[in-house]
Amino acid sequence: MDNGIGTSAPHVLIVTGPQRERLFRRFSSLFAGRDDVAVMIDRRVAERRRAERGPRSGERRLGERRHRQPDWIVPPS
């Protein structure tokens, strides 16, 4: 994947869910030694959004936040 400056960005695999530690170890060993794949673990333990505190005046985001679609998704087991 070329990012326009001559280097290629790695594919990022973010491991989530109740078995994330086991899956992180598994995927890390599968992709060990590959510079084109980065395995990351999602360490969030709760939803970050808080309860609504009143009406909002429309969409707060100014634009699309996601830069590109993921190349592949591993469904939960």
PDB file of N, CA and C in Angstrom:
ATOM      1  N   MET A   1       0.847  -1.168   0.000  1.00  0.00           N
ATOM      2  CA  MET A   1       0.000   0.000   0.000  1.00  0.00           C
ATOM      3  C   MET A   1       0.891   1.228   0.000  1.00  0.00           C
ATOM      4  N   ASP A   2       0.771   2.065  -0.987  1.00  0.00           N
ATOM      5  CA  ASP A   2       1.637   3.227  -1.117  1.00  0.00           C
ATOM      6  C   ASP A   2       0.916   4.445  -0.561  1.00  0.00           C
ATOM      7  N   ASN A   3       1.556   5.150   0.378  1.00  0.00           N
ATOM      8  CA  ASN A   3       0.942   6.335   0.960  1.00  0.00           C
ATOM      9  C   ASN A   3       1.375   7.618   0.264  1.00  0.00           C
ATOM     10  N   GLY A   4       2.046   7.508  -0.843  1.00  0.00           N
ATOM     11  CA  GLY A   4       2.386   8.674  -1.634  1.00  0.00           C
ATOM     12  C   GLY A   4       3.761   9.245  -1.375  1.00  0.00           C
ATOM     13  N   ILE A   5       4.490   8.771  -0.371  1.00  0.00           N
ATOM     14  CA  ILE A   5       5.817   9.317  -0.101  1.00  0.00           C
ATOM     15  C   ILE A   5       6.898   8.257  -0.242  1.00  0.00           C
ATOM     16  N   GLY A   6       6.573   7.171  -0.885  1.00  0.00           N
ATOM     17  CA  GLY A   6       7.585   6.167  -1.178  1.00  0.00           C
ATOM     18  C   GLY A   6       7.679   5.027  -0.186  1.00  0.00           C
ATOM     19  N   THR A   7       6.969   5.089   0.923  1.00  0.00           N
ATOM     20  CA  THR A   7       6.967   3.997   1.884  1.00  0.00           C
ATOM     21  C   THR A   7       5.572   3.411   1.950  1.00  0.00           C
ATOM     22  N   SER A   8       5.477   2.151   2.310  1.00  0.00           N
ATOM     23  CA  SER A   8       4.159   1.544   2.392  1.00  0.00           C
ATOM     24  C   SER A   8       3.746   1.419   3.852  1.00  0.00           C
ATOM     25  N   ALA A   9       2.490   1.740   4.113  1.00  0.00           N
ATOM     26  CA  ALA A   9       1.943   1.654   5.467  1.00  0.00           C
ATOM     27  C   ALA A   9       1.551   0.209   5.755  1.00  0.00           C
ATOM     28  N   PRO A  10       1.754  -0.247   6.976  1.00  0.00           N
ATOM     29  CA  PRO A  10       1.378  -1.630   7.290  1.00  0.00           C
ATOM     30  C   PRO A  10      -0.127  -1.784   7.420  1.00  0.00           C
ATOM     31  N   HIS A  11      -0.591  -2.988   7.176  1.00  0.00           N
ATOM     32  CA  HIS A  11      -1.975  -3.330   7.473  1.00  0.00           C
ATOM     33  C   HIS A  11      -2.060  -3.434   8.994  1.00  0.00           C
ATOM     34  N   VAL A  12      -3.143  -2.946   9.561  1.00  0.00           N
ATOM     35  CA  VAL A  12      -3.304  -2.964  11.013  1.00  0.00           C
ATOM     36  C   VAL A  12      -4.431  -3.923  11.366  1.00  0.00           C
ATOM     37  N   LEU A  13      -4.130  -4.894  12.217  1.00  0.00           N
ATOM     38  CA  LEU A  13      -5.117  -5.843  12.716  1.00  0.00           C
ATOM     39  C   LEU A  13      -5.358  -5.506  14.181  1.00  0.00           C
ATOM     40  N   ILE A  14      -6.565  -5.025  14.508  1.00  0.00           N
ATOM     41  CA  ILE A  14      -6.911  -4.672  15.880  1.00  0.00           C
ATOM     42  C   ILE A  14      -7.756  -5.800  16.445  1.00  0.00           C
ATOM     43  N   VAL A  15      -7.268  -6.410  17.518  1.00  0.00           N
ATOM     44  CA  VAL A  15      -7.932  -7.562  18.133  1.00  0.00           C
ATOM     45  C   VAL A  15      -8.811  -7.060  19.272  1.00  0.00           C
ATOM     46  N   THR A  16     -10.096  -7.427  19.233  1.00  0.00           N
ATOM     47  CA  THR A  16     -11.053  -7.010  20.249  1.00  0.00           C
ATOM     48  C   THR A  16     -11.779  -8.225  20.796  1.00  0.00           C
ATOM     49  N   GLY A  17     -12.605  -8.005  21.793  1.00  0.00           N
ATOM     50  CA  GLY A  17     -13.474  -9.048  22.297  1.00  0.00           C
ATOM     51  C   GLY A  17     -12.961  -9.725  23.550  1.00  0.00           C
ATOM     52  N   PRO A  18     -13.761 -10.642  24.072  1.00  0.00           N
ATOM     53  CA  PRO A  18     -13.435 -11.275  25.349  1.00  0.00           C
ATOM     54  C   PRO A  18     -12.189 -12.159  25.310  1.00  0.00           C
ATOM     55  N   GLN A  19     -11.804 -12.638  24.154  1.00  0.00           N
ATOM     56  CA  GLN A  19     -10.624 -13.496  24.047  1.00  0.00           C
ATOM     57  C   GLN A  19      -9.459 -12.756  23.388  1.00  0.00           C
ATOM     58  N   ARG A  20      -9.408 -11.443  23.555  1.00  0.00           N
ATOM     59  CA  ARG A  20      -8.424 -10.645  22.830  1.00  0.00           C
ATOM     60  C   ARG A  20      -6.989 -10.967  23.186  1.00  0.00           C
ATOM     61  N   GLU A  21      -6.702 -11.313  24.435  1.00  0.00           N
ATOM     62  CA  GLU A  21      -5.315 -11.628  24.795  1.00  0.00           C
ATOM     63  C   GLU A  21      -4.832 -12.876  24.063  1.00  0.00           C
ATOM     64  N   ARG A  22      -5.668 -13.920  24.053  1.00  0.00           N
ATOM     65  CA  ARG A  22      -5.304 -15.162  23.366  1.00  0.00           C
ATOM     66  C   ARG A  22      -5.175 -14.935  21.868  1.00  0.00           C
ATOM     67  N   LEU A  23      -6.122 -14.218  21.283  1.00  0.00           N
ATOM     68  CA  LEU A  23      -6.076 -13.952  19.842  1.00  0.00           C
ATOM     69  C   LEU A  23      -4.908 -13.045  19.472  1.00  0.00           C
ATOM     70  N   PHE A  24      -4.593 -12.076  20.345  1.00  0.00           N
ATOM     71  CA  PHE A  24      -3.449 -11.211  20.096  1.00  0.00           C
ATOM     72  C   PHE A  24      -2.160 -12.015  20.035  1.00  0.00           C
ATOM     73  N   ARG A  25      -1.989 -12.929  20.983  1.00  0.00           N
ATOM     74  CA  ARG A  25      -0.784 -13.779  20.963  1.00  0.00           C
ATOM     75  C   ARG A  25      -0.746 -14.633  19.700  1.00  0.00           C
ATOM     76  N   ARG A  26      -1.874 -15.179  19.307  1.00  0.00           N
ATOM     77  CA  ARG A  26      -1.950 -16.043  18.119  1.00  0.00           C
ATOM     78  C   ARG A  26      -1.615 -15.261  16.847  1.00  0.00           C
ATOM     79  N   PHE A  27      -2.279 -14.111  16.665  1.00  0.00           N
ATOM     80  CA  PHE A  27      -2.027 -13.320  15.459  1.00  0.00           C
ATOM     81  C   PHE A  27      -0.610 -12.749  15.453  1.00  0.00           C
ATOM     82  N   SER A  28      -0.103 -12.366  16.630  1.00  0.00           N
ATOM     83  CA  SER A  28       1.262 -11.855  16.707  1.00  0.00           C
ATOM     84  C   SER A  28       2.263 -12.907  16.256  1.00  0.00           C
ATOM     85  N   SER A  29       2.045 -14.163  16.656  1.00  0.00           N
ATOM     86  CA  SER A  29       2.965 -15.220  16.226  1.00  0.00           C
ATOM     87  C   SER A  29       2.793 -15.535  14.739  1.00  0.00           C
ATOM     88  N   LEU A  30       1.554 -15.459  14.233  1.00  0.00           N
ATOM     89  CA  LEU A  30       1.318 -15.727  12.813  1.00  0.00           C
ATOM     90  C   LEU A  30       1.982 -14.683  11.915  1.00  0.00           C
ATOM     91  N   PHE A  31       1.953 -13.419  12.339  1.00  0.00           N
ATOM     92  CA  PHE A  31       2.487 -12.346  11.518  1.00  0.00           C
ATOM     93  C   PHE A  31       3.864 -11.873  11.978  1.00  0.00           C
ATOM     94  N   ALA A  32       4.519 -12.628  12.828  1.00  0.00           N
ATOM     95  CA  ALA A  32       5.858 -12.255  13.320  1.00  0.00           C
ATOM     96  C   ALA A  32       6.827 -12.173  12.138  1.00  0.00           C
ATOM     97  N   GLY A  33       7.645 -11.145  12.141  1.00  0.00           N
ATOM     98  CA  GLY A  33       8.640 -10.980  11.093  1.00  0.00           C
ATOM     99  C   GLY A  33       8.131 -10.288   9.847  1.00  0.00           C
ATOM    100  N   ARG A  34       6.852  -9.954   9.808  1.00  0.00           N
ATOM    101  CA  ARG A  34       6.294  -9.259   8.637  1.00  0.00           C
ATOM    102  C   ARG A  34       6.197  -7.778   8.931  1.00  0.00           C
ATOM    103  N   ASP A  35       6.811  -6.980   8.078  1.00  0.00           N
ATOM    104  CA  ASP A  35       6.773  -5.535   8.253  1.00  0.00           C
ATOM    105  C   ASP A  35       5.481  -4.920   7.721  1.00  0.00           C
ATOM    106  N   ASP A  36       4.720  -5.688   6.946  1.00  0.00           N
ATOM    107  CA  ASP A  36       3.519  -5.132   6.338  1.00  0.00           C
ATOM    108  C   ASP A  36       2.261  -5.362   7.162  1.00  0.00           C
ATOM    109  N   VAL A  37       2.378  -5.983   8.354  1.00  0.00           N
ATOM    110  CA  VAL A  37       1.228  -6.232   9.222  1.00  0.00           C
ATOM    111  C   VAL A  37       1.581  -5.821  10.647  1.00  0.00           C
ATOM    112  N   ALA A  38       0.722  -4.987  11.246  1.00  0.00           N
ATOM    113  CA  ALA A  38       0.880  -4.603  12.652  1.00  0.00           C
ATOM    114  C   ALA A  38      -0.318  -5.129  13.419  1.00  0.00           C
ATOM    115  N   VAL A  39      -0.070  -5.910  14.470  1.00  0.00           N
ATOM    116  CA  VAL A  39      -1.141  -6.463  15.295  1.00  0.00           C
ATOM    117  C   VAL A  39      -1.232  -5.622  16.562  1.00  0.00           C
ATOM    118  N   MET A  40      -2.447  -5.124  16.851  1.00  0.00           N
ATOM    119  CA  MET A  40      -2.673  -4.296  18.030  1.00  0.00           C
ATOM    120  C   MET A  40      -3.826  -4.886  18.830  1.00  0.00           C
ATOM    121  N   ILE A  41      -3.797  -4.648  20.145  1.00  0.00           N
ATOM    122  CA  ILE A  41      -4.872  -5.133  21.005  1.00  0.00           C
ATOM    123  C   ILE A  41      -5.686  -3.941  21.486  1.00  0.00           C
ATOM    124  N   ASP A  42      -7.003  -4.101  21.475  1.00  0.00           N
ATOM    125  CA  ASP A  42      -7.896  -3.057  21.956  1.00  0.00           C
ATOM    126  C   ASP A  42      -8.026  -3.224  23.464  1.00  0.00           C
ATOM    127  N   ARG A  43      -7.543  -2.252  24.225  1.00  0.00           N
ATOM    128  CA  ARG A  43      -7.520  -2.363  25.689  1.00  0.00           C
ATOM    129  C   ARG A  43      -8.692  -1.666  26.365  1.00  0.00           C
ATOM    130  N   ARG A  44      -9.619  -1.150  25.593  1.00  0.00           N
ATOM    131  CA  ARG A  44     -10.775  -0.487  26.213  1.00  0.00           C
ATOM    132  C   ARG A  44     -11.594  -1.509  26.980  1.00  0.00           C
ATOM    133  N   VAL A  45     -12.086  -1.108  28.137  1.00  0.00           N
ATOM    134  CA  VAL A  45     -12.884  -2.018  28.958  1.00  0.00           C
ATOM    135  C   VAL A  45     -14.340  -1.584  29.044  1.00  0.00           C
ATOM    136  N   ALA A  46     -14.638  -0.366  28.612  1.00  0.00           N
ATOM    137  CA  ALA A  46     -16.012   0.130  28.649  1.00  0.00           C
ATOM    138  C   ALA A  46     -16.225   1.091  27.496  1.00  0.00           C
ATOM    139  N   GLU A  47     -17.466   1.338  27.206  1.00  0.00           N
ATOM    140  CA  GLU A  47     -17.820   2.286  26.168  1.00  0.00           C
ATOM    141  C   GLU A  47     -17.409   3.681  26.617  1.00  0.00           C
ATOM    142  N   ARG A  48     -16.810   4.459  25.740  1.00  0.00           N
ATOM    143  CA  ARG A  48     -16.317   5.783  26.105  1.00  0.00           C
ATOM    144  C   ARG A  48     -17.400   6.850  26.097  1.00  0.00           C
ATOM    145  N   ARG A  49     -18.463   6.598  25.407  1.00  0.00           N
ATOM    146  CA  ARG A  49     -19.513   7.616  25.320  1.00  0.00           C
ATOM    147  C   ARG A  49     -20.277   7.694  26.635  1.00  0.00           C
ATOM    148  N   ARG A  50     -20.625   8.901  27.000  1.00  0.00           N
ATOM    149  CA  ARG A  50     -21.401   9.122  28.211  1.00  0.00           C
ATOM    150  C   ARG A  50     -22.860   9.334  27.849  1.00  0.00           C
ATOM    151  N   ALA A  51     -23.692   9.292  28.837  1.00  0.00           N
ATOM    152  CA  ALA A  51     -25.130   9.488  28.611  1.00  0.00           C
ATOM    153  C   ALA A  51     -25.374  10.886  28.046  1.00  0.00           C
ATOM    154  N   GLU A  52     -26.397  10.982  27.241  1.00  0.00           N
ATOM    155  CA  GLU A  52     -26.769  12.280  26.671  1.00  0.00           C
ATOM    156  C   GLU A  52     -27.122  13.258  27.782  1.00  0.00           C
ATOM    157  N   ARG A  53     -26.673  14.487  27.659  1.00  0.00           N
ATOM    158  CA  ARG A  53     -26.939  15.503  28.676  1.00  0.00           C
ATOM    159  C   ARG A  53     -27.827  16.616  28.137  1.00  0.00           C
ATOM    160  N   GLY A  54     -28.508  16.343  27.091  1.00  0.00           N
ATOM    161  CA  GLY A  54     -29.386  17.362  26.531  1.00  0.00           C
ATOM    162  C   GLY A  54     -29.403  17.252  25.017  1.00  0.00           C
ATOM    163  N   PRO A  55     -30.256  17.986  24.383  1.00  0.00           N
ATOM    164  CA  PRO A  55     -30.345  17.910  22.918  1.00  0.00           C
ATOM    165  C   PRO A  55     -29.097  18.495  22.252  1.00  0.00           C
ATOM    166  N   ARG A  56     -28.716  17.859  21.194  1.00  0.00           N
ATOM    167  CA  ARG A  56     -27.563  18.337  20.411  1.00  0.00           C
ATOM    168  C   ARG A  56     -28.082  19.108  19.209  1.00  0.00           C
ATOM    169  N   SER A  57     -27.265  19.984  18.721  1.00  0.00           N
ATOM    170  CA  SER A  57     -27.670  20.808  17.587  1.00  0.00           C
ATOM    171  C   SER A  57     -27.144  20.228  16.278  1.00  0.00           C
ATOM    172  N   GLY A  58     -27.426  18.966  16.033  1.00  0.00           N
ATOM    173  CA  GLY A  58     -27.014  18.355  14.775  1.00  0.00           C
ATOM    174  C   GLY A  58     -25.699  17.602  14.882  1.00  0.00           C
ATOM    175  N   GLU A  59     -25.151  17.258  13.759  1.00  0.00           N
ATOM    176  CA  GLU A  59     -23.915  16.487  13.674  1.00  0.00           C
ATOM    177  C   GLU A  59     -22.726  17.331  14.106  1.00  0.00           C
ATOM    178  N   ARG A  60     -21.922  16.797  15.034  1.00  0.00           N
ATOM    179  CA  ARG A  60     -20.759  17.529  15.526  1.00  0.00           C
ATOM    180  C   ARG A  60     -19.525  17.308  14.669  1.00  0.00           C
ATOM    181  N   ARG A  61     -19.440  16.177  13.991  1.00  0.00           N
ATOM    182  CA  ARG A  61     -18.260  15.901  13.165  1.00  0.00           C
ATOM    183  C   ARG A  61     -18.275  16.774  11.923  1.00  0.00           C
ATOM    184  N   LEU A  62     -17.105  17.211  11.536  1.00  0.00           N
ATOM    185  CA  LEU A  62     -17.005  18.088  10.374  1.00  0.00           C
ATOM    186  C   LEU A  62     -16.829  17.327   9.071  1.00  0.00           C
ATOM    187  N   GLY A  63     -16.347  16.108   9.144  1.00  0.00           N
ATOM    188  CA  GLY A  63     -16.121  15.331   7.931  1.00  0.00           C
ATOM    189  C   GLY A  63     -15.912  13.873   8.254  1.00  0.00           C
ATOM    190  N   GLU A  64     -15.608  13.119   7.257  1.00  0.00           N
ATOM    191  CA  GLU A  64     -15.353  11.693   7.426  1.00  0.00           C
ATOM    192  C   GLU A  64     -14.074  11.497   8.230  1.00  0.00           C
ATOM    193  N   ARG A  65     -14.155  10.705   9.296  1.00  0.00           N
ATOM    194  CA  ARG A  65     -12.996  10.485  10.149  1.00  0.00           C
ATOM    195  C   ARG A  65     -12.192   9.274   9.720  1.00  0.00           C
ATOM    196  N   ARG A  66     -12.808   8.340   9.063  1.00  0.00           N
ATOM    197  CA  ARG A  66     -12.122   7.127   8.645  1.00  0.00           C
ATOM    198  C   ARG A  66     -11.399   7.404   7.342  1.00  0.00           C
ATOM    199  N   HIS A  67     -10.099   7.148   7.317  1.00  0.00           N
ATOM    200  CA  HIS A  67      -9.295   7.459   6.136  1.00  0.00           C
ATOM    201  C   HIS A  67      -9.485   6.433   5.029  1.00  0.00           C
ATOM    202  N   ARG A  68      -9.625   5.162   5.403  1.00  0.00           N
ATOM    203  CA  ARG A  68      -9.808   4.118   4.395  1.00  0.00           C
ATOM    204  C   ARG A  68     -10.551   2.954   5.020  1.00  0.00           C
ATOM    205  N   GLN A  69     -11.152   2.157   4.193  1.00  0.00           N
ATOM    206  CA  GLN A  69     -11.857   0.974   4.658  1.00  0.00           C
ATOM    207  C   GLN A  69     -10.843  -0.098   5.061  1.00  0.00           C
ATOM    208  N   PRO A  70     -11.157  -0.929   6.055  1.00  0.00           N
ATOM    209  CA  PRO A  70     -10.229  -2.010   6.417  1.00  0.00           C
ATOM    210  C   PRO A  70     -10.095  -3.005   5.265  1.00  0.00           C
ATOM    211  N   ASP A  71      -8.908  -3.593   5.150  1.00  0.00           N
ATOM    212  CA  ASP A  71      -8.671  -4.566   4.089  1.00  0.00           C
ATOM    213  C   ASP A  71      -9.378  -5.881   4.363  1.00  0.00           C
ATOM    214  N   TRP A  72      -9.458  -6.270   5.651  1.00  0.00           N
ATOM    215  CA  TRP A  72     -10.124  -7.495   6.012  1.00  0.00           C
ATOM    216  C   TRP A  72     -10.589  -7.408   7.451  1.00  0.00           C
ATOM    217  N   ILE A  73     -11.625  -8.165   7.769  1.00  0.00           N
ATOM    218  CA  ILE A  73     -12.196  -8.180   9.111  1.00  0.00           C
ATOM    219  C   ILE A  73     -12.320  -9.622   9.553  1.00  0.00           C
ATOM    220  N   VAL A  74     -11.879  -9.914  10.782  1.00  0.00           N
ATOM    221  CA  VAL A  74     -12.015 -11.248  11.346  1.00  0.00           C
ATOM    222  C   VAL A  74     -13.261 -11.239  12.219  1.00  0.00           C
ATOM    223  N   PRO A  75     -14.304 -12.012  11.861  1.00  0.00           N
ATOM    224  CA  PRO A  75     -15.525 -11.997  12.658  1.00  0.00           C
ATOM    225  C   PRO A  75     -15.307 -12.665  14.018  1.00  0.00           C
ATOM    226  N   PRO A  76     -16.075 -12.244  15.028  1.00  0.00           N
ATOM    227  CA  PRO A  76     -15.942 -12.875  16.349  1.00  0.00           C
ATOM    228  C   PRO A  76     -16.378 -14.334  16.289  1.00  0.00           C
ATOM    229  N   SER A  77     -15.759 -15.148  17.135  1.00  0.00           N
ATOM    230  CA  SER A  77     -16.138 -16.573  17.134  1.00  0.00           C
ATOM    231  C   SER A  77     -17.140 -16.866  18.219  1.00  0.00           C
TER     232      SER A  77
END
